[in-house]
């Protein structure tokens, strides 16, 4: 897996020598309220649809 880095002009995220297009979804409670199987199904579904970023929280104090 190739790491992301900041472009020379500091305006873009890059993956290799190409701009990285952030196509994200939010799953705030991904790590707290669902089973492993449900998480796997959700993440596979998002990946199959081209999503490359998932935003979530690790700690939920609610």
C-alpha atoms as a PDB file:
ATOM      1  CA  UNK A   1       0.000   0.000   0.000  1.00  0.00           C
ATOM      2  CA  UNK A   2       1.412   3.341  -1.038  1.00  0.00           C
ATOM      3  CA  UNK A   3       1.469   6.148   1.541  1.00  0.00           C
ATOM      4  CA  UNK A   4      -0.170   9.500   0.932  1.00  0.00           C
ATOM      5  CA  UNK A   5       1.966  12.616   1.002  1.00  0.00           C
ATOM      6  CA  UNK A   6       1.511  16.364   0.545  1.00  0.00           C
ATOM      7  CA  UNK A   7       2.179  17.836  -2.892  1.00  0.00           C
ATOM      8  CA  UNK A   8       5.125  20.162  -3.454  1.00  0.00           C
ATOM      9  CA  UNK A   9       2.846  23.221  -3.470  1.00  0.00           C
ATOM     10  CA  UNK A  10       1.174  21.969  -0.248  1.00  0.00           C
ATOM     11  CA  UNK A  11      -2.321  22.099  -1.799  1.00  0.00           C
ATOM     12  CA  UNK A  12      -3.057  18.421  -2.461  1.00  0.00           C
ATOM     13  CA  UNK A  13      -2.729  14.938  -1.066  1.00  0.00           C
ATOM     14  CA  UNK A  14      -0.755  12.753  -3.444  1.00  0.00           C
ATOM     15  CA  UNK A  15      -0.545   8.996  -3.938  1.00  0.00           C
ATOM     16  CA  UNK A  16       2.681   8.429  -5.793  1.00  0.00           C
ATOM     17  CA  UNK A  17       2.832  11.094  -8.492  1.00  0.00           C
ATOM     18  CA  UNK A  18      -0.962  11.495  -8.849  1.00  0.00           C
ATOM     19  CA  UNK A  19      -3.421  13.597  -6.834  1.00  0.00           C
ATOM     20  CA  UNK A  20      -5.410  11.516  -4.337  1.00  0.00           C
ATOM     21  CA  UNK A  21      -9.176  11.883  -4.753  1.00  0.00           C
ATOM     22  CA  UNK A  22     -10.751  11.537  -1.302  1.00  0.00           C
ATOM     23  CA  UNK A  23     -14.041   9.658  -1.707  1.00  0.00           C
ATOM     24  CA  UNK A  24     -15.154   9.142   1.864  1.00  0.00           C
ATOM     25  CA  UNK A  25     -18.034   7.903   3.930  1.00  0.00           C
ATOM     26  CA  UNK A  26     -18.730   8.351   7.633  1.00  0.00           C
ATOM     27  CA  UNK A  27     -19.351   5.471  10.000  1.00  0.00           C
ATOM     28  CA  UNK A  28     -19.021   7.190  13.345  1.00  0.00           C
ATOM     29  CA  UNK A  29     -19.813   4.120  15.466  1.00  0.00           C
ATOM     30  CA  UNK A  30     -18.050   1.553  13.280  1.00  0.00           C
ATOM     31  CA  UNK A  31     -15.789   0.372  16.114  1.00  0.00           C
ATOM     32  CA  UNK A  32     -18.335   0.430  18.928  1.00  0.00           C
ATOM     33  CA  UNK A  33     -21.814  -0.728  17.944  1.00  0.00           C
ATOM     34  CA  UNK A  34     -21.546  -3.493  15.344  1.00  0.00           C
ATOM     35  CA  UNK A  35     -20.128  -6.991  15.040  1.00  0.00           C
ATOM     36  CA  UNK A  36     -16.986  -7.908  13.120  1.00  0.00           C
ATOM     37  CA  UNK A  37     -19.113  -9.478  10.384  1.00  0.00           C
ATOM     38  CA  UNK A  38     -21.255  -6.341  10.032  1.00  0.00           C
ATOM     39  CA  UNK A  39     -18.149  -4.150   9.879  1.00  0.00           C
ATOM     40  CA  UNK A  40     -16.565  -6.399   7.250  1.00  0.00           C
ATOM     41  CA  UNK A  41     -19.741  -6.350   5.135  1.00  0.00           C
ATOM     42  CA  UNK A  42     -19.986  -2.559   5.391  1.00  0.00           C
ATOM     43  CA  UNK A  43     -16.308  -1.968   4.532  1.00  0.00           C
ATOM     44  CA  UNK A  44     -16.401  -4.412   1.614  1.00  0.00           C
ATOM     45  CA  UNK A  45     -19.537  -2.707   0.281  1.00  0.00           C
ATOM     46  CA  UNK A  46     -17.886   0.707   0.450  1.00  0.00           C
ATOM     47  CA  UNK A  47     -14.673  -0.560  -1.192  1.00  0.00           C
ATOM     48  CA  UNK A  48     -16.665  -2.269  -3.955  1.00  0.00           C
ATOM     49  CA  UNK A  49     -18.333   1.086  -4.668  1.00  0.00           C
ATOM     50  CA  UNK A  50     -15.002   2.919  -4.923  1.00  0.00           C
ATOM     51  CA  UNK A  51     -14.842   4.572  -1.510  1.00  0.00           C
ATOM     52  CA  UNK A  52     -11.254   4.953  -0.342  1.00  0.00           C
ATOM     53  CA  UNK A  53     -11.705   6.747   3.014  1.00  0.00           C
ATOM     54  CA  UNK A  54     -13.830   5.868   6.048  1.00  0.00           C
ATOM     55  CA  UNK A  55     -14.144   8.432   8.821  1.00  0.00           C
ATOM     56  CA  UNK A  56     -14.971   7.055  12.256  1.00  0.00           C
ATOM     57  CA  UNK A  57     -14.347   7.503  15.960  1.00  0.00           C
ATOM     58  CA  UNK A  58     -12.526   5.025  18.152  1.00  0.00           C
ATOM     59  CA  UNK A  59     -13.777   6.192  21.557  1.00  0.00           C
ATOM     60  CA  UNK A  60     -17.423   6.945  22.256  1.00  0.00           C
ATOM     61  CA  UNK A  61     -18.262   8.270  25.708  1.00  0.00           C
ATOM     62  CA  UNK A  62     -22.026   8.152  25.154  1.00  0.00           C
END
